[in-house]
Amino acid sequence: MIEMFKARRPWFIGMLLAVVALCVSSCDSDDDDYYDSSSSPLCGEWYSPETDTYFDFYGDGSGEFERADGYDYDFTWSAGSGWLGVYFYDGTVWNFNWSFAPNGCLQLYNTGTGYTTVYWKQ
């Protein structure tokens, strides 16, 4: 029995290495952060007429949220394929699922409230 295991060991080690290589190479590029360049589709100023709020996403991962009453809140953000995290300096975190509608507007679905807000590029 030991001889049979010794004979199969190179095959087992080869398969193990192949599985490890497959796991390492199968990382999806869609999981990369989208704020690493100014060409990100989220970068820019976005306005929602329904809530009278603005989001400014900057290419360096920072941003600003402005409410209708004039209050501004600075934040950092990270995003990937369909997800967006907004991290305010007071510790508040907003998590969104995002998508673009065919008309070009940005749809932010707040996973905490279950509400979708539509933003237009300014």
PDB file of N, CA and C in Angstrom:
ATOM      1  N   MET A   1       0.818  -1.176   0.000  1.00  0.00           N
ATOM      2  CA  MET A   1       0.000   0.000   0.000  1.00  0.00           C
ATOM      3  C   MET A   1       0.871   1.252   0.000  1.00  0.00           C
ATOM      4  N   ILE A   2       1.945   1.257   0.792  1.00  0.00           N
ATOM      5  CA  ILE A   2       2.837   2.407   0.841  1.00  0.00           C
ATOM      6  C   ILE A   2       3.494   2.619  -0.507  1.00  0.00           C
ATOM      7  N   GLU A   3       3.851   1.562  -1.185  1.00  0.00           N
ATOM      8  CA  GLU A   3       4.465   1.675  -2.501  1.00  0.00           C
ATOM      9  C   GLU A   3       3.496   2.318  -3.499  1.00  0.00           C
ATOM     10  N   MET A   4       2.200   2.000  -3.410  1.00  0.00           N
ATOM     11  CA  MET A   4       1.225   2.566  -4.314  1.00  0.00           C
ATOM     12  C   MET A   4       1.099   4.080  -4.059  1.00  0.00           C
ATOM     13  N   PHE A   5       1.147   4.499  -2.786  1.00  0.00           N
ATOM     14  CA  PHE A   5       1.054   5.918  -2.461  1.00  0.00           C
ATOM     15  C   PHE A   5       2.273   6.662  -2.982  1.00  0.00           C
ATOM     16  N   LYS A   6       3.462   6.068  -2.818  1.00  0.00           N
ATOM     17  CA  LYS A   6       4.686   6.693  -3.310  1.00  0.00           C
ATOM     18  C   LYS A   6       4.637   6.860  -4.820  1.00  0.00           C
ATOM     19  N   ALA A   7       4.065   5.906  -5.513  1.00  0.00           N
ATOM     20  CA  ALA A   7       3.996   5.977  -6.972  1.00  0.00           C
ATOM     21  C   ALA A   7       3.043   7.088  -7.420  1.00  0.00           C
ATOM     22  N   ARG A   8       2.025   7.403  -6.636  1.00  0.00           N
ATOM     23  CA  ARG A   8       1.053   8.422  -7.027  1.00  0.00           C
ATOM     24  C   ARG A   8       1.404   9.810  -6.491  1.00  0.00           C
ATOM     25  N   ARG A   9       2.346   9.913  -5.629  1.00  0.00           N
ATOM     26  CA  ARG A   9       2.675  11.199  -5.013  1.00  0.00           C
ATOM     27  C   ARG A   9       3.041  12.272  -6.031  1.00  0.00           C
ATOM     28  N   PRO A  10       3.871  12.028  -7.031  1.00  0.00           N
ATOM     29  CA  PRO A  10       4.167  13.094  -8.007  1.00  0.00           C
ATOM     30  C   PRO A  10       2.904  13.578  -8.723  1.00  0.00           C
ATOM     31  N   TRP A  11       1.996  12.677  -9.037  1.00  0.00           N
ATOM     32  CA  TRP A  11       0.754  13.065  -9.688  1.00  0.00           C
ATOM     33  C   TRP A  11      -0.079  13.946  -8.755  1.00  0.00           C
ATOM     34  N   PHE A  12      -0.159  13.540  -7.475  1.00  0.00           N
ATOM     35  CA  PHE A  12      -0.922  14.299  -6.493  1.00  0.00           C
ATOM     36  C   PHE A  12      -0.335  15.696  -6.304  1.00  0.00           C
ATOM     37  N   ILE A  13       0.962  15.788  -6.193  1.00  0.00           N
ATOM     38  CA  ILE A  13       1.620  17.088  -6.014  1.00  0.00           C
ATOM     39  C   ILE A  13       1.407  17.953  -7.252  1.00  0.00           C
ATOM     40  N   GLY A  14       1.489  17.360  -8.419  1.00  0.00           N
ATOM     41  CA  GLY A  14       1.239  18.111  -9.655  1.00  0.00           C
ATOM     42  C   GLY A  14      -0.179  18.646  -9.714  1.00  0.00           C
ATOM     43  N   MET A  15      -1.149  17.821  -9.330  1.00  0.00           N
ATOM     44  CA  MET A  15      -2.550  18.277  -9.331  1.00  0.00           C
ATOM     45  C   MET A  15      -2.754  19.367  -8.283  1.00  0.00           C
ATOM     46  N   LEU A  16      -2.134  19.233  -7.129  1.00  0.00           N
ATOM     47  CA  LEU A  16      -2.256  20.240  -6.086  1.00  0.00           C
ATOM     48  C   LEU A  16      -1.702  21.581  -6.567  1.00  0.00           C
ATOM     49  N   LEU A  17      -0.554  21.553  -7.217  1.00  0.00           N
ATOM     50  CA  LEU A  17       0.029  22.779  -7.752  1.00  0.00           C
ATOM     51  C   LEU A  17      -0.855  23.384  -8.844  1.00  0.00           C
ATOM     52  N   ALA A  18      -1.465  22.555  -9.667  1.00  0.00           N
ATOM     53  CA  ALA A  18      -2.354  23.052 -10.715  1.00  0.00           C
ATOM     54  C   ALA A  18      -3.590  23.727 -10.118  1.00  0.00           C
ATOM     55  N   VAL A  19      -4.137  23.143  -9.069  1.00  0.00           N
ATOM     56  CA  VAL A  19      -5.312  23.734  -8.410  1.00  0.00           C
ATOM     57  C   VAL A  19      -4.939  25.071  -7.775  1.00  0.00           C
ATOM     58  N   VAL A  20      -3.801  25.143  -7.108  1.00  0.00           N
ATOM     59  CA  VAL A  20      -3.356  26.393  -6.494  1.00  0.00           C
ATOM     60  C   VAL A  20      -3.151  27.456  -7.567  1.00  0.00           C
ATOM     61  N   ALA A  21      -2.521  27.101  -8.679  1.00  0.00           N
ATOM     62  CA  ALA A  21      -2.306  28.056  -9.769  1.00  0.00           C
ATOM     63  C   ALA A  21      -3.625  28.532 -10.348  1.00  0.00           C
ATOM     64  N   LEU A  22      -4.581  27.648 -10.483  1.00  0.00           N
ATOM     65  CA  LEU A  22      -5.889  28.013 -11.002  1.00  0.00           C
ATOM     66  C   LEU A  22      -6.594  28.982 -10.064  1.00  0.00           C
ATOM     67  N   CYS A  23      -6.509  28.743  -8.767  1.00  0.00           N
ATOM     68  CA  CYS A  23      -7.140  29.638  -7.786  1.00  0.00           C
ATOM     69  C   CYS A  23      -6.512  31.016  -7.821  1.00  0.00           C
ATOM     70  N   VAL A  24      -5.204  31.088  -7.926  1.00  0.00           N
ATOM     71  CA  VAL A  24      -4.517  32.372  -7.954  1.00  0.00           C
ATOM     72  C   VAL A  24      -4.826  33.131  -9.229  1.00  0.00           C
ATOM     73  N   SER A  25      -4.883  32.453 -10.364  1.00  0.00           N
ATOM     74  CA  SER A  25      -5.099  33.131 -11.644  1.00  0.00           C
ATOM     75  C   SER A  25      -6.557  33.413 -11.935  1.00  0.00           C
ATOM     76  N   SER A  26      -7.478  32.915 -11.119  1.00  0.00           N
ATOM     77  CA  SER A  26      -8.891  33.108 -11.413  1.00  0.00           C
ATOM     78  C   SER A  26      -9.470  34.353 -10.765  1.00  0.00           C
ATOM     79  N   CYS A  27      -8.630  35.200 -10.188  1.00  0.00           N
ATOM     80  CA  CYS A  27      -9.140  36.441  -9.617  1.00  0.00           C
ATOM     81  C   CYS A  27      -9.748  37.280 -10.723  1.00  0.00           C
ATOM     82  N   ASP A  28     -10.930  37.766 -10.481  1.00  0.00           N
ATOM     83  CA  ASP A  28     -11.676  38.530 -11.467  1.00  0.00           C
ATOM     84  C   ASP A  28     -11.211  39.974 -11.453  1.00  0.00           C
ATOM     85  N   SER A  29     -10.865  40.523 -12.603  1.00  0.00           N
ATOM     86  CA  SER A  29     -10.424  41.905 -12.679  1.00  0.00           C
ATOM     87  C   SER A  29     -11.551  42.868 -12.348  1.00  0.00           C
ATOM     88  N   ASP A  30     -12.813  42.425 -12.369  1.00  0.00           N
ATOM     89  CA  ASP A  30     -13.928  43.281 -12.006  1.00  0.00           C
ATOM     90  C   ASP A  30     -13.920  43.623 -10.527  1.00  0.00           C
ATOM     91  N   ASP A  31     -13.143  42.890  -9.728  1.00  0.00           N
ATOM     92  CA  ASP A  31     -13.059  43.176  -8.313  1.00  0.00           C
ATOM     93  C   ASP A  31     -12.076  44.299  -8.011  1.00  0.00           C
ATOM     94  N   ASP A  32     -11.345  44.761  -9.012  1.00  0.00           N
ATOM     95  CA  ASP A  32     -10.392  45.849  -8.811  1.00  0.00           C
ATOM     96  C   ASP A  32     -11.137  47.122  -8.446  1.00  0.00           C
ATOM     97  N   ASP A  33     -10.481  47.971  -7.646  1.00  0.00           N
ATOM     98  CA  ASP A  33     -11.087  49.249  -7.311  1.00  0.00           C
ATOM     99  C   ASP A  33     -11.164  50.124  -8.556  1.00  0.00           C
ATOM    100  N   TYR A  34     -12.266  50.866  -8.659  1.00  0.00           N
ATOM    101  CA  TYR A  34     -12.468  51.748  -9.798  1.00  0.00           C
ATOM    102  C   TYR A  34     -11.980  53.161  -9.536  1.00  0.00           C
ATOM    103  N   TYR A  35     -11.445  53.484  -8.385  1.00  0.00           N
ATOM    104  CA  TYR A  35     -11.028  54.845  -8.122  1.00  0.00           C
ATOM    105  C   TYR A  35      -9.547  55.069  -8.410  1.00  0.00           C
ATOM    106  N   ASP A  36      -8.882  54.096  -8.987  1.00  0.00           N
ATOM    107  CA  ASP A  36      -7.450  54.210  -9.165  1.00  0.00           C
ATOM    108  C   ASP A  36      -7.037  55.068 -10.351  1.00  0.00           C
ATOM    109  N   SER A  37      -7.988  55.661 -11.049  1.00  0.00           N
ATOM    110  CA  SER A  37      -7.636  56.567 -12.134  1.00  0.00           C
ATOM    111  C   SER A  37      -8.772  57.547 -12.369  1.00  0.00           C
ATOM    112  N   SER A  38      -8.425  58.651 -12.993  1.00  0.00           N
ATOM    113  CA  SER A  38      -9.440  59.670 -13.258  1.00  0.00           C
ATOM    114  C   SER A  38     -10.399  59.244 -14.364  1.00  0.00           C
ATOM    115  N   SER A  39     -10.139  58.121 -15.023  1.00  0.00           N
ATOM    116  CA  SER A  39     -11.032  57.647 -16.077  1.00  0.00           C
ATOM    117  C   SER A  39     -12.138  56.729 -15.548  1.00  0.00           C
ATOM    118  N   SER A  40     -12.243  56.605 -14.230  1.00  0.00           N
ATOM    119  CA  SER A  40     -13.285  55.779 -13.635  1.00  0.00           C
ATOM    120  C   SER A  40     -14.660  56.289 -14.061  1.00  0.00           C
ATOM    121  N   PRO A  41     -15.587  55.383 -14.357  1.00  0.00           N
ATOM    122  CA  PRO A  41     -16.926  55.825 -14.753  1.00  0.00           C
ATOM    123  C   PRO A  41     -17.695  56.501 -13.621  1.00  0.00           C
ATOM    124  N   LEU A  42     -17.269  56.304 -12.375  1.00  0.00           N
ATOM    125  CA  LEU A  42     -17.947  56.930 -11.250  1.00  0.00           C
ATOM    126  C   LEU A  42     -17.426  58.328 -10.933  1.00  0.00           C
ATOM    127  N   CYS A  43     -16.228  58.649 -11.392  1.00  0.00           N
ATOM    128  CA  CYS A  43     -15.635  59.945 -11.078  1.00  0.00           C
ATOM    129  C   CYS A  43     -16.457  61.074 -11.688  1.00  0.00           C
ATOM    130  N   GLY A  44     -16.552  62.142 -10.926  1.00  0.00           N
ATOM    131  CA  GLY A  44     -17.264  63.324 -11.378  1.00  0.00           C
ATOM    132  C   GLY A  44     -18.330  63.739 -10.392  1.00  0.00           C
ATOM    133  N   GLU A  45     -19.078  64.752 -10.786  1.00  0.00           N
ATOM    134  CA  GLU A  45     -20.148  65.280  -9.945  1.00  0.00           C
ATOM    135  C   GLU A  45     -21.477  64.721 -10.414  1.00  0.00           C
ATOM    136  N   TRP A  46     -22.248  64.169  -9.477  1.00  0.00           N
ATOM    137  CA  TRP A  46     -23.545  63.555  -9.751  1.00  0.00           C
ATOM    138  C   TRP A  46     -24.615  64.242  -8.911  1.00  0.00           C
ATOM    139  N   TYR A  47     -25.745  64.544  -9.529  1.00  0.00           N
ATOM    140  CA  TYR A  47     -26.833  65.247  -8.849  1.00  0.00           C
ATOM    141  C   TYR A  47     -28.119  64.435  -8.927  1.00  0.00           C
ATOM    142  N   SER A  48     -28.852  64.379  -7.789  1.00  0.00           N
ATOM    143  CA  SER A  48     -30.157  63.730  -7.748  1.00  0.00           C
ATOM    144  C   SER A  48     -31.231  64.789  -7.523  1.00  0.00           C
ATOM    145  N   PRO A  49     -32.075  65.034  -8.543  1.00  0.00           N
ATOM    146  CA  PRO A  49     -33.140  66.006  -8.342  1.00  0.00           C
ATOM    147  C   PRO A  49     -34.189  65.546  -7.333  1.00  0.00           C
ATOM    148  N   GLU A  50     -34.391  64.244  -7.187  1.00  0.00           N
ATOM    149  CA  GLU A  50     -35.416  63.757  -6.258  1.00  0.00           C
ATOM    150  C   GLU A  50     -35.032  63.958  -4.794  1.00  0.00           C
ATOM    151  N   THR A  51     -33.731  63.917  -4.489  1.00  0.00           N
ATOM    152  CA  THR A  51     -33.294  64.128  -3.105  1.00  0.00           C
ATOM    153  C   THR A  51     -32.541  65.441  -2.938  1.00  0.00           C
ATOM    154  N   ASP A  52     -32.279  66.139  -4.037  1.00  0.00           N
ATOM    155  CA  ASP A  52     -31.532  67.396  -4.047  1.00  0.00           C
ATOM    156  C   ASP A  52     -30.192  67.237  -3.333  1.00  0.00           C
ATOM    157  N   THR A  53     -29.465  66.183  -3.717  1.00  0.00           N
ATOM    158  CA  THR A  53     -28.147  65.905  -3.156  1.00  0.00           C
ATOM    159  C   THR A  53     -27.135  65.724  -4.278  1.00  0.00           C
ATOM    160  N   TYR A  54     -25.881  65.965  -3.930  1.00  0.00           N
ATOM    161  CA  TYR A  54     -24.764  65.796  -4.864  1.00  0.00           C
ATOM    162  C   TYR A  54     -23.773  64.796  -4.293  1.00  0.00           C
ATOM    163  N   PHE A  55     -23.190  64.001  -5.167  1.00  0.00           N
ATOM    164  CA  PHE A  55     -22.017  63.197  -4.872  1.00  0.00           C
ATOM    165  C   PHE A  55     -20.914  63.660  -5.811  1.00  0.00           C
ATOM    166  N   ASP A  56     -19.745  63.951  -5.269  1.00  0.00           N
ATOM    167  CA  ASP A  56     -18.546  64.200  -6.065  1.00  0.00           C
ATOM    168  C   ASP A  56     -17.563  63.085  -5.767  1.00  0.00           C
ATOM    169  N   PHE A  57     -17.248  62.292  -6.774  1.00  0.00           N
ATOM    170  CA  PHE A  57     -16.271  61.212  -6.640  1.00  0.00           C
ATOM    171  C   PHE A  57     -14.995  61.643  -7.355  1.00  0.00           C
ATOM    172  N   TYR A  58     -13.894  61.717  -6.612  1.00  0.00           N
ATOM    173  CA  TYR A  58     -12.611  62.117  -7.179  1.00  0.00           C
ATOM    174  C   TYR A  58     -11.766  60.880  -7.471  1.00  0.00           C
ATOM    175  N   GLY A  59     -10.892  61.006  -8.449  1.00  0.00           N
ATOM    176  CA  GLY A  59     -10.083  59.891  -8.905  1.00  0.00           C
ATOM    177  C   GLY A  59      -9.076  59.365  -7.909  1.00  0.00           C
ATOM    178  N   ASP A  60      -8.856  60.087  -6.808  1.00  0.00           N
ATOM    179  CA  ASP A  60      -7.903  59.629  -5.799  1.00  0.00           C
ATOM    180  C   ASP A  60      -8.562  58.853  -4.666  1.00  0.00           C
ATOM    181  N   GLY A  61      -9.884  58.575  -4.801  1.00  0.00           N
ATOM    182  CA  GLY A  61     -10.578  57.817  -3.776  1.00  0.00           C
ATOM    183  C   GLY A  61     -11.207  58.672  -2.698  1.00  0.00           C
ATOM    184  N   SER A  62     -11.195  59.983  -2.868  1.00  0.00           N
ATOM    185  CA  SER A  62     -11.869  60.866  -1.927  1.00  0.00           C
ATOM    186  C   SER A  62     -13.135  61.397  -2.582  1.00  0.00           C
ATOM    187  N   GLY A  63     -13.941  62.096  -1.811  1.00  0.00           N
ATOM    188  CA  GLY A  63     -15.155  62.643  -2.375  1.00  0.00           C
ATOM    189  C   GLY A  63     -15.866  63.568  -1.422  1.00  0.00           C
ATOM    190  N   GLU A  64     -17.010  64.083  -1.884  1.00  0.00           N
ATOM    191  CA  GLU A  64     -17.804  65.011  -1.100  1.00  0.00           C
ATOM    192  C   GLU A  64     -19.277  64.751  -1.371  1.00  0.00           C
ATOM    193  N   PHE A  65     -20.071  64.741  -0.314  1.00  0.00           N
ATOM    194  CA  PHE A  65     -21.517  64.602  -0.414  1.00  0.00           C
ATOM    195  C   PHE A  65     -22.135  65.901   0.064  1.00  0.00           C
ATOM    196  N   GLU A  66     -23.057  66.470  -0.714  1.00  0.00           N
ATOM    197  CA  GLU A  66     -23.693  67.726  -0.341  1.00  0.00           C
ATOM    198  C   GLU A  66     -25.194  67.560  -0.295  1.00  0.00           C
ATOM    199  N   ARG A  67     -25.782  67.994   0.808  1.00  0.00           N
ATOM    200  CA  ARG A  67     -27.231  67.945   0.976  1.00  0.00           C
ATOM    201  C   ARG A  67     -27.847  69.262   0.519  1.00  0.00           C
ATOM    202  N   ALA A  68     -29.180  69.272   0.348  1.00  0.00           N
ATOM    203  CA  ALA A  68     -29.911  70.454  -0.091  1.00  0.00           C
ATOM    204  C   ALA A  68     -29.776  71.606   0.892  1.00  0.00           C
ATOM    205  N   ASP A  69     -29.595  71.310   2.169  1.00  0.00           N
ATOM    206  CA  ASP A  69     -29.493  72.370   3.170  1.00  0.00           C
ATOM    207  C   ASP A  69     -28.108  73.003   3.230  1.00  0.00           C
ATOM    208  N   GLY A  70     -27.218  72.607   2.308  1.00  0.00           N
ATOM    209  CA  GLY A  70     -25.900  73.225   2.206  1.00  0.00           C
ATOM    210  C   GLY A  70     -24.799  72.527   2.977  1.00  0.00           C
ATOM    211  N   TYR A  71     -25.107  71.509   3.723  1.00  0.00           N
ATOM    212  CA  TYR A  71     -24.077  70.787   4.469  1.00  0.00           C
ATOM    213  C   TYR A  71     -23.280  69.886   3.530  1.00  0.00           C
ATOM    214  N   ASP A  72     -21.963  69.939   3.694  1.00  0.00           N
ATOM    215  CA  ASP A  72     -21.044  69.102   2.915  1.00  0.00           C
ATOM    216  C   ASP A  72     -20.386  68.095   3.843  1.00  0.00           C
ATOM    217  N   TYR A  73     -20.184  66.893   3.342  1.00  0.00           N
ATOM    218  CA  TYR A  73     -19.538  65.831   4.103  1.00  0.00           C
ATOM    219  C   TYR A  73     -18.449  65.202   3.239  1.00  0.00           C
ATOM    220  N   ASP A  74     -17.225  65.205   3.749  1.00  0.00           N
ATOM    221  CA  ASP A  74     -16.111  64.582   3.042  1.00  0.00           C
ATOM    222  C   ASP A  74     -16.099  63.093   3.330  1.00  0.00           C
ATOM    223  N   PHE A  75     -15.629  62.326   2.352  1.00  0.00           N
ATOM    224  CA  PHE A  75     -15.570  60.878   2.514  1.00  0.00           C
ATOM    225  C   PHE A  75     -14.465  60.306   1.651  1.00  0.00           C
ATOM    226  N   THR A  76     -14.178  59.052   1.875  1.00  0.00           N
ATOM    227  CA  THR A  76     -13.367  58.264   0.952  1.00  0.00           C
ATOM    228  C   THR A  76     -14.286  57.201   0.379  1.00  0.00           C
ATOM    229  N   TRP A  77     -13.890  56.632  -0.744  1.00  0.00           N
ATOM    230  CA  TRP A  77     -14.737  55.624  -1.370  1.00  0.00           C
ATOM    231  C   TRP A  77     -13.905  54.580  -2.081  1.00  0.00           C
ATOM    232  N   SER A  78     -14.513  53.425  -2.218  1.00  0.00           N
ATOM    233  CA  SER A  78     -13.932  52.353  -3.024  1.00  0.00           C
ATOM    234  C   SER A  78     -15.092  51.679  -3.743  1.00  0.00           C
ATOM    235  N   ALA A  79     -14.796  51.152  -4.907  1.00  0.00           N
ATOM    236  CA  ALA A  79     -15.861  50.557  -5.719  1.00  0.00           C
ATOM    237  C   ALA A  79     -15.292  49.441  -6.564  1.00  0.00           C
ATOM    238  N   GLY A  80     -16.168  48.539  -6.916  1.00  0.00           N
ATOM    239  CA  GLY A  80     -15.841  47.449  -7.817  1.00  0.00           C
ATOM    240  C   GLY A  80     -17.024  47.212  -8.723  1.00  0.00           C
ATOM    241  N   SER A  81     -17.062  46.100  -9.316  1.00  0.00           N
ATOM    242  CA  SER A  81     -18.121  45.776 -10.262  1.00  0.00           C
ATOM    243  C   SER A  81     -19.457  45.675  -9.538  1.00  0.00           C
ATOM    244  N   GLY A  82     -20.238  46.750  -9.583  1.00  0.00           N
ATOM    245  CA  GLY A  82     -21.566  46.746  -9.010  1.00  0.00           C
ATOM    246  C   GLY A  82     -21.647  47.075  -7.530  1.00  0.00           C
ATOM    247  N   TRP A  83     -20.534  47.318  -6.846  1.00  0.00           N
ATOM    248  CA  TRP A  83     -20.572  47.682  -5.426  1.00  0.00           C
ATOM    249  C   TRP A  83     -19.814  48.980  -5.194  1.00  0.00           C
ATOM    250  N   LEU A  84     -20.268  49.728  -4.211  1.00  0.00           N
ATOM    251  CA  LEU A  84     -19.662  51.007  -3.861  1.00  0.00           C
ATOM    252  C   LEU A  84     -19.734  51.174  -2.359  1.00  0.00           C
ATOM    253  N   GLY A  85     -18.609  51.512  -1.757  1.00  0.00           N
ATOM    254  CA  GLY A  85     -18.557  51.822  -0.333  1.00  0.00           C
ATOM    255  C   GLY A  85     -18.176  53.272  -0.151  1.00  0.00           C
ATOM    256  N   VAL A  86     -18.955  54.012   0.634  1.00  0.00           N
ATOM    257  CA  VAL A  86     -18.684  55.417   0.945  1.00  0.00           C
ATOM    258  C   VAL A  86     -18.416  55.490   2.437  1.00  0.00           C
ATOM    259  N   TYR A  87     -17.227  56.003   2.803  1.00  0.00           N
ATOM    260  CA  TYR A  87     -16.750  55.982   4.175  1.00  0.00           C
ATOM    261  C   TYR A  87     -16.565  57.417   4.677  1.00  0.00           C
ATOM    262  N   PHE A  88     -17.505  57.885   5.477  1.00  0.00           N
ATOM    263  CA  PHE A  88     -17.439  59.238   6.013  1.00  0.00           C
ATOM    264  C   PHE A  88     -16.450  59.277   7.172  1.00  0.00           C
ATOM    265  N   TYR A  89     -15.905  60.478   7.415  1.00  0.00           N
ATOM    266  CA  TYR A  89     -14.866  60.625   8.429  1.00  0.00           C
ATOM    267  C   TYR A  89     -15.386  60.452   9.850  1.00  0.00           C
ATOM    268  N   ASP A  90     -16.707  60.521  10.049  1.00  0.00           N
ATOM    269  CA  ASP A  90     -17.247  60.294  11.385  1.00  0.00           C
ATOM    270  C   ASP A  90     -17.477  58.811  11.675  1.00  0.00           C
ATOM    271  N   GLY A  91     -17.107  57.944  10.732  1.00  0.00           N
ATOM    272  CA  GLY A  91     -17.249  56.500  10.909  1.00  0.00           C
ATOM    273  C   GLY A  91     -18.474  55.907  10.236  1.00  0.00           C
ATOM    274  N   THR A  92     -19.354  56.747   9.703  1.00  0.00           N
ATOM    275  CA  THR A  92     -20.535  56.264   9.000  1.00  0.00           C
ATOM    276  C   THR A  92     -20.126  55.634   7.675  1.00  0.00           C
ATOM    277  N   VAL A  93     -20.730  54.505   7.350  1.00  0.00           N
ATOM    278  CA  VAL A  93     -20.453  53.811   6.090  1.00  0.00           C
ATOM    279  C   VAL A  93     -21.760  53.610   5.346  1.00  0.00           C
ATOM    280  N   TRP A  94     -21.767  53.987   4.076  1.00  0.00           N
ATOM    281  CA  TRP A  94     -22.898  53.705   3.193  1.00  0.00           C
ATOM    282  C   TRP A  94     -22.439  52.678   2.172  1.00  0.00           C
ATOM    283  N   ASN A  95     -23.198  51.605   2.031  1.00  0.00           N
ATOM    284  CA  ASN A  95     -22.907  50.579   1.038  1.00  0.00           C
ATOM    285  C   ASN A  95     -23.990  50.600  -0.033  1.00  0.00           C
ATOM    286  N   PHE A  96     -23.539  50.615  -1.273  1.00  0.00           N
ATOM    287  CA  PHE A  96     -24.450  50.686  -2.404  1.00  0.00           C
ATOM    288  C   PHE A  96     -24.164  49.567  -3.399  1.00  0.00           C
ATOM    289  N   ASN A  97     -25.176  49.203  -4.140  1.00  0.00           N
ATOM    290  CA  ASN A  97     -25.019  48.503  -5.415  1.00  0.00           C
ATOM    291  C   ASN A  97     -25.252  49.577  -6.463  1.00  0.00           C
ATOM    292  N   TRP A  98     -24.385  49.655  -7.466  1.00  0.00           N
ATOM    293  CA  TRP A  98     -24.534  50.705  -8.464  1.00  0.00           C
ATOM    294  C   TRP A  98     -24.641  50.116  -9.859  1.00  0.00           C
ATOM    295  N   SER A  99     -25.293  50.889 -10.727  1.00  0.00           N
ATOM    296  CA  SER A  99     -25.385  50.530 -12.135  1.00  0.00           C
ATOM    297  C   SER A  99     -25.709  51.793 -12.914  1.00  0.00           C
ATOM    298  N   PHE A 100     -25.444  51.730 -14.208  1.00  0.00           N
ATOM    299  CA  PHE A 100     -25.804  52.820 -15.097  1.00  0.00           C
ATOM    300  C   PHE A 100     -27.038  52.412 -15.885  1.00  0.00           C
ATOM    301  N   ALA A 101     -28.012  53.304 -15.946  1.00  0.00           N
ATOM    302  CA  ALA A 101     -29.208  53.071 -16.759  1.00  0.00           C
ATOM    303  C   ALA A 101     -28.857  53.387 -18.208  1.00  0.00           C
ATOM    304  N   PRO A 102     -29.645  52.896 -19.169  1.00  0.00           N
ATOM    305  CA  PRO A 102     -29.365  53.176 -20.580  1.00  0.00           C
ATOM    306  C   PRO A 102     -29.294  54.672 -20.905  1.00  0.00           C
ATOM    307  N   ASN A 103     -29.991  55.495 -20.136  1.00  0.00           N
ATOM    308  CA  ASN A 103     -29.951  56.937 -20.384  1.00  0.00           C
ATOM    309  C   ASN A 103     -28.740  57.612 -19.746  1.00  0.00           C
ATOM    310  N   GLY A 104     -27.845  56.845 -19.123  1.00  0.00           N
ATOM    311  CA  GLY A 104     -26.604  57.376 -18.578  1.00  0.00           C
ATOM    312  C   GLY A 104     -26.643  57.772 -17.120  1.00  0.00           C
ATOM    313  N   CYS A 105     -27.793  57.693 -16.483  1.00  0.00           N
ATOM    314  CA  CYS A 105     -27.847  58.071 -15.076  1.00  0.00           C
ATOM    315  C   CYS A 105     -27.261  56.964 -14.206  1.00  0.00           C
ATOM    316  N   LEU A 106     -26.780  57.381 -13.050  1.00  0.00           N
ATOM    317  CA  LEU A 106     -26.189  56.468 -12.073  1.00  0.00           C
ATOM    318  C   LEU A 106     -27.263  56.084 -11.069  1.00  0.00           C
ATOM    319  N   GLN A 107     -27.488  54.799 -10.908  1.00  0.00           N
ATOM    320  CA  GLN A 107     -28.472  54.312  -9.952  1.00  0.00           C
ATOM    321  C   GLN A 107     -27.731  53.723  -8.766  1.00  0.00           C
ATOM    322  N   LEU A 108     -28.000  54.308  -7.593  1.00  0.00           N
ATOM    323  CA  LEU A 108     -27.366  53.837  -6.364  1.00  0.00           C
ATOM    324  C   LEU A 108     -28.425  53.189  -5.483  1.00  0.00           C
ATOM    325  N   TYR A 109     -28.302  51.892  -5.289  1.00  0.00           N
ATOM    326  CA  TYR A 109     -29.193  51.145  -4.417  1.00  0.00           C
ATOM    327  C   TYR A 109     -28.529  51.022  -3.063  1.00  0.00           C
ATOM    328  N   ASN A 110     -29.085  51.680  -2.049  1.00  0.00           N
ATOM    329  CA  ASN A 110     -28.544  51.646  -0.699  1.00  0.00           C
ATOM    330  C   ASN A 110     -28.914  50.312  -0.062  1.00  0.00           C
ATOM    331  N   THR A 111     -27.911  49.481   0.208  1.00  0.00           N
ATOM    332  CA  THR A 111     -28.188  48.146   0.746  1.00  0.00           C
ATOM    333  C   THR A 111     -28.689  48.194   2.184  1.00  0.00           C
ATOM    334  N   GLY A 112     -28.473  49.313   2.875  1.00  0.00           N
ATOM    335  CA  GLY A 112     -28.953  49.444   4.241  1.00  0.00           C
ATOM    336  C   GLY A 112     -30.419  49.846   4.321  1.00  0.00           C
ATOM    337  N   THR A 113     -30.834  50.743   3.408  1.00  0.00           N
ATOM    338  CA  THR A 113     -32.214  51.238   3.445  1.00  0.00           C
ATOM    339  C   THR A 113     -33.116  50.550   2.429  1.00  0.00           C
ATOM    340  N   GLY A 114     -32.510  49.926   1.406  1.00  0.00           N
ATOM    341  CA  GLY A 114     -33.303  49.302   0.348  1.00  0.00           C
ATOM    342  C   GLY A 114     -33.879  50.300  -0.632  1.00  0.00           C
ATOM    343  N   TYR A 115     -33.339  51.500  -0.645  1.00  0.00           N
ATOM    344  CA  TYR A 115     -33.864  52.565  -1.495  1.00  0.00           C
ATOM    345  C   TYR A 115     -32.882  52.872  -2.626  1.00  0.00           C
ATOM    346  N   THR A 116     -33.394  53.092  -3.826  1.00  0.00           N
ATOM    347  CA  THR A 116     -32.567  53.457  -4.981  1.00  0.00           C
ATOM    348  C   THR A 116     -32.717  54.941  -5.274  1.00  0.00           C
ATOM    349  N   THR A 117     -31.590  55.621  -5.419  1.00  0.00           N
ATOM    350  CA  THR A 117     -31.576  57.028  -5.792  1.00  0.00           C
ATOM    351  C   THR A 117     -30.902  57.145  -7.143  1.00  0.00           C
ATOM    352  N   VAL A 118     -31.468  57.966  -8.019  1.00  0.00           N
ATOM    353  CA  VAL A 118     -30.942  58.167  -9.367  1.00  0.00           C
ATOM    354  C   VAL A 118     -30.172  59.486  -9.393  1.00  0.00           C
ATOM    355  N   TYR A 119     -28.957  59.442  -9.920  1.00  0.00           N
ATOM    356  CA  TYR A 119     -28.086  60.626 -10.027  1.00  0.00           C
ATOM    357  C   TYR A 119     -27.745  60.873 -11.489  1.00  0.00           C
ATOM    358  N   TRP A 120     -27.686  62.142 -11.840  1.00  0.00           N
ATOM    359  CA  TRP A 120     -27.331  62.582 -13.191  1.00  0.00           C
ATOM    360  C   TRP A 120     -25.977  63.253 -13.161  1.00  0.00           C
ATOM    361  N   LYS A 121     -25.158  62.965 -14.158  1.00  0.00           N
ATOM    362  CA  LYS A 121     -23.819  63.554 -14.256  1.00  0.00           C
ATOM    363  C   LYS A 121     -23.945  65.039 -14.552  1.00  0.00           C
ATOM    364  N   GLN A 122     -23.204  65.854 -13.816  1.00  0.00           N
ATOM    365  CA  GLN A 122     -23.230  67.306 -14.004  1.00  0.00           C
ATOM    366  C   GLN A 122     -22.091  67.756 -14.881  1.00  0.00           C
TER     367      GLN A 122
END
